Amino acid sequence: ITDQYKCVPGFELTGKDTVYCQSDGTWTPSELPTCIPVQCPIPDTIDRGKALYTAVAYKSVVNYECNYGYMVVGAGTRTCGEDKQWSGEQPVCKVQQL
């Protein structure tokens, strides 16, 4: 008998995904796998601005703000996806036109 493990979206499996029942009734490997949250890389800061975030796990959000006199061009927020990447493209700060 075998048993196979999978994680829900946003989590990744650590350990073996399949365990086997031995003739003596024990499972091998004896240590069961675990699911840990997906982590995105630390967001890069942007020139003339900053990246604001509290976590880098699945579904976490990073918000971008620009220094006074500049405005965000592009998406002001990005979300950590199950592919371990931040959504969209990193925005830039451009001089605000009056």
C-alpha atoms as a PDB file:
ATOM      1  CA  ILE A   1       0.000   0.000   0.000  1.00  0.00           C
ATOM      2  CA  THR A   2       1.238   3.489  -0.813  1.00  0.00           C
ATOM      3  CA  ASP A   3       0.018   6.882   0.277  1.00  0.00           C
ATOM      4  CA  GLN A   4       0.808  10.051  -1.654  1.00  0.00           C
ATOM      5  CA  TYR A   5       0.765  13.581  -0.248  1.00  0.00           C
ATOM      6  CA  LYS A   6       0.086  16.928  -1.915  1.00  0.00           C
ATOM      7  CA  CYS A   7      -0.171  20.439  -0.540  1.00  0.00           C
ATOM      8  CA  VAL A   8      -2.893  22.999  -1.186  1.00  0.00           C
ATOM      9  CA  PRO A   9      -1.978  25.952  -3.453  1.00  0.00           C
ATOM     10  CA  GLY A  10       0.436  28.356  -1.804  1.00  0.00           C
ATOM     11  CA  PHE A  11       2.268  25.621   0.119  1.00  0.00           C
ATOM     12  CA  GLU A  12       5.152  23.402  -0.891  1.00  0.00           C
ATOM     13  CA  LEU A  13       5.905  19.876   0.225  1.00  0.00           C
ATOM     14  CA  THR A  14       9.057  19.123   2.189  1.00  0.00           C
ATOM     15  CA  GLY A  15      10.079  15.500   2.524  1.00  0.00           C
ATOM     16  CA  LYS A  16       9.008  12.514   0.426  1.00  0.00           C
ATOM     17  CA  ASP A  17       5.604  12.815  -1.234  1.00  0.00           C
ATOM     18  CA  THR A  18       5.000   9.047  -1.160  1.00  0.00           C
ATOM     19  CA  VAL A  19       5.177   6.634   1.786  1.00  0.00           C
ATOM     20  CA  TYR A  20       4.941   2.848   1.602  1.00  0.00           C
ATOM     21  CA  CYS A  21       3.382   0.388   4.014  1.00  0.00           C
ATOM     22  CA  GLN A  22       5.847  -2.370   4.881  1.00  0.00           C
ATOM     23  CA  SER A  23       4.914  -6.000   5.619  1.00  0.00           C
ATOM     24  CA  ASP A  24       5.464  -5.348   9.340  1.00  0.00           C
ATOM     25  CA  GLY A  25       2.798  -2.591   9.326  1.00  0.00           C
ATOM     26  CA  THR A  26       5.179   0.364   9.480  1.00  0.00           C
ATOM     27  CA  TRP A  27       5.464   3.150   6.947  1.00  0.00           C
ATOM     28  CA  THR A  28       8.669   3.995   5.124  1.00  0.00           C
ATOM     29  CA  PRO A  29       9.968   6.574   5.296  1.00  0.00           C
ATOM     30  CA  SER A  30       8.758   6.854   8.865  1.00  0.00           C
ATOM     31  CA  GLU A  31       8.818  10.648   8.809  1.00  0.00           C
ATOM     32  CA  LEU A  32       5.762  12.141   7.108  1.00  0.00           C
ATOM     33  CA  PRO A  33       6.137  15.135   4.775  1.00  0.00           C
ATOM     34  CA  THR A  34       4.988  18.602   5.776  1.00  0.00           C
ATOM     35  CA  CYS A  35       3.602  21.548   3.858  1.00  0.00           C
ATOM     36  CA  ILE A  36       5.248  24.922   4.342  1.00  0.00           C
ATOM     37  CA  PRO A  37       4.058  28.284   2.975  1.00  0.00           C
ATOM     38  CA  VAL A  38       5.528  29.419  -0.327  1.00  0.00           C
ATOM     39  CA  GLN A  39       7.918  32.354   0.134  1.00  0.00           C
ATOM     40  CA  CYS A  40       8.605  35.074  -2.429  1.00  0.00           C
ATOM     41  CA  PRO A  41      11.957  36.880  -2.518  1.00  0.00           C
ATOM     42  CA  ILE A  42      12.344  40.080  -0.504  1.00  0.00           C
ATOM     43  CA  PRO A  43      10.905  42.868  -2.698  1.00  0.00           C
ATOM     44  CA  ASP A  44      13.473  45.205  -4.202  1.00  0.00           C
ATOM     45  CA  THR A  45      13.261  48.851  -3.246  1.00  0.00           C
ATOM     46  CA  ILE A  46      12.556  51.258  -6.070  1.00  0.00           C
ATOM     47  CA  ASP A  47      14.615  54.315  -7.005  1.00  0.00           C
ATOM     48  CA  ARG A  48      13.192  57.428  -5.321  1.00  0.00           C
ATOM     49  CA  GLY A  49      10.735  55.296  -3.343  1.00  0.00           C
ATOM     50  CA  LYS A  50      10.266  52.273  -1.127  1.00  0.00           C
ATOM     51  CA  ALA A  51       8.581  48.883  -0.908  1.00  0.00           C
ATOM     52  CA  LEU A  52       6.293  48.376   2.112  1.00  0.00           C
ATOM     53  CA  TYR A  53       5.440  44.843   3.236  1.00  0.00           C
ATOM     54  CA  THR A  54       4.975  42.823   6.414  1.00  0.00           C
ATOM     55  CA  ALA A  55       5.460  39.299   5.028  1.00  0.00           C
ATOM     56  CA  VAL A  56       6.707  37.519   1.905  1.00  0.00           C
ATOM     57  CA  ALA A  57       4.523  34.382   2.082  1.00  0.00           C
ATOM     58  CA  TYR A  58       1.799  33.312  -0.363  1.00  0.00           C
ATOM     59  CA  LYS A  59      -0.866  36.015  -0.895  1.00  0.00           C
ATOM     60  CA  SER A  60       1.211  38.651   0.947  1.00  0.00           C
ATOM     61  CA  VAL A  61       1.089  42.107  -0.624  1.00  0.00           C
ATOM     62  CA  VAL A  62       3.847  44.635  -1.200  1.00  0.00           C
ATOM     63  CA  ASN A  63       2.872  48.298  -1.646  1.00  0.00           C
ATOM     64  CA  TYR A  64       5.122  50.792  -3.390  1.00  0.00           C
ATOM     65  CA  GLU A  65       5.389  54.459  -2.448  1.00  0.00           C
ATOM     66  CA  CYS A  66       7.449  57.180  -4.034  1.00  0.00           C
ATOM     67  CA  ASN A  67       9.291  60.046  -2.374  1.00  0.00           C
ATOM     68  CA  TYR A  68       7.662  63.492  -2.273  1.00  0.00           C
ATOM     69  CA  GLY A  69       7.454  64.984  -5.763  1.00  0.00           C
ATOM     70  CA  TYR A  70       7.375  61.590  -7.495  1.00  0.00           C
ATOM     71  CA  MET A  71       4.515  59.319  -8.483  1.00  0.00           C
ATOM     72  CA  VAL A  72       4.224  55.557  -8.919  1.00  0.00           C
ATOM     73  CA  VAL A  73       4.071  54.492 -12.563  1.00  0.00           C
ATOM     74  CA  GLY A  74       2.838  50.928 -12.926  1.00  0.00           C
ATOM     75  CA  ALA A  75       1.100  48.743 -10.366  1.00  0.00           C
ATOM     76  CA  GLY A  76       1.322  50.205  -6.866  1.00  0.00           C
ATOM     77  CA  THR A  77       0.855  46.752  -5.328  1.00  0.00           C
ATOM     78  CA  ARG A  78       2.061  43.239  -6.100  1.00  0.00           C
ATOM     79  CA  THR A  79       0.989  39.911  -4.579  1.00  0.00           C
ATOM     80  CA  CYS A  80       3.104  36.853  -3.747  1.00  0.00           C
ATOM     81  CA  GLY A  81       1.907  33.960  -5.916  1.00  0.00           C
ATOM     82  CA  GLU A  82       2.081  30.199  -5.542  1.00  0.00           C
ATOM     83  CA  ASP A  83       4.932  30.251  -8.121  1.00  0.00           C
ATOM     84  CA  LYS A  84       7.142  32.067  -5.546  1.00  0.00           C
ATOM     85  CA  GLN A  85       7.092  35.248  -7.644  1.00  0.00           C
ATOM     86  CA  TRP A  86       5.552  38.681  -7.133  1.00  0.00           C
ATOM     87  CA  SER A  87       2.727  39.440  -9.567  1.00  0.00           C
ATOM     88  CA  GLY A  88       3.159  41.910 -12.396  1.00  0.00           C
ATOM     89  CA  GLU A  89       6.132  44.168 -12.955  1.00  0.00           C
ATOM     90  CA  GLN A  90       7.953  46.333 -10.447  1.00  0.00           C
ATOM     91  CA  PRO A  91       6.767  49.954 -10.746  1.00  0.00           C
ATOM     92  CA  VAL A  92       9.010  52.992 -11.070  1.00  0.00           C
ATOM     93  CA  CYS A  93       8.902  56.495  -9.595  1.00  0.00           C
ATOM     94  CA  LYS A  94       8.663  59.367 -12.068  1.00  0.00           C
ATOM     95  CA  VAL A  95       8.748  63.086 -11.420  1.00  0.00           C
ATOM     96  CA  GLN A  96       5.222  64.296 -10.765  1.00  0.00           C
ATOM     97  CA  GLN A  97       4.063  66.770 -13.445  1.00  0.00           C
ATOM     98  CA  LEU A  98       2.247  69.830 -12.192  1.00  0.00           C
END
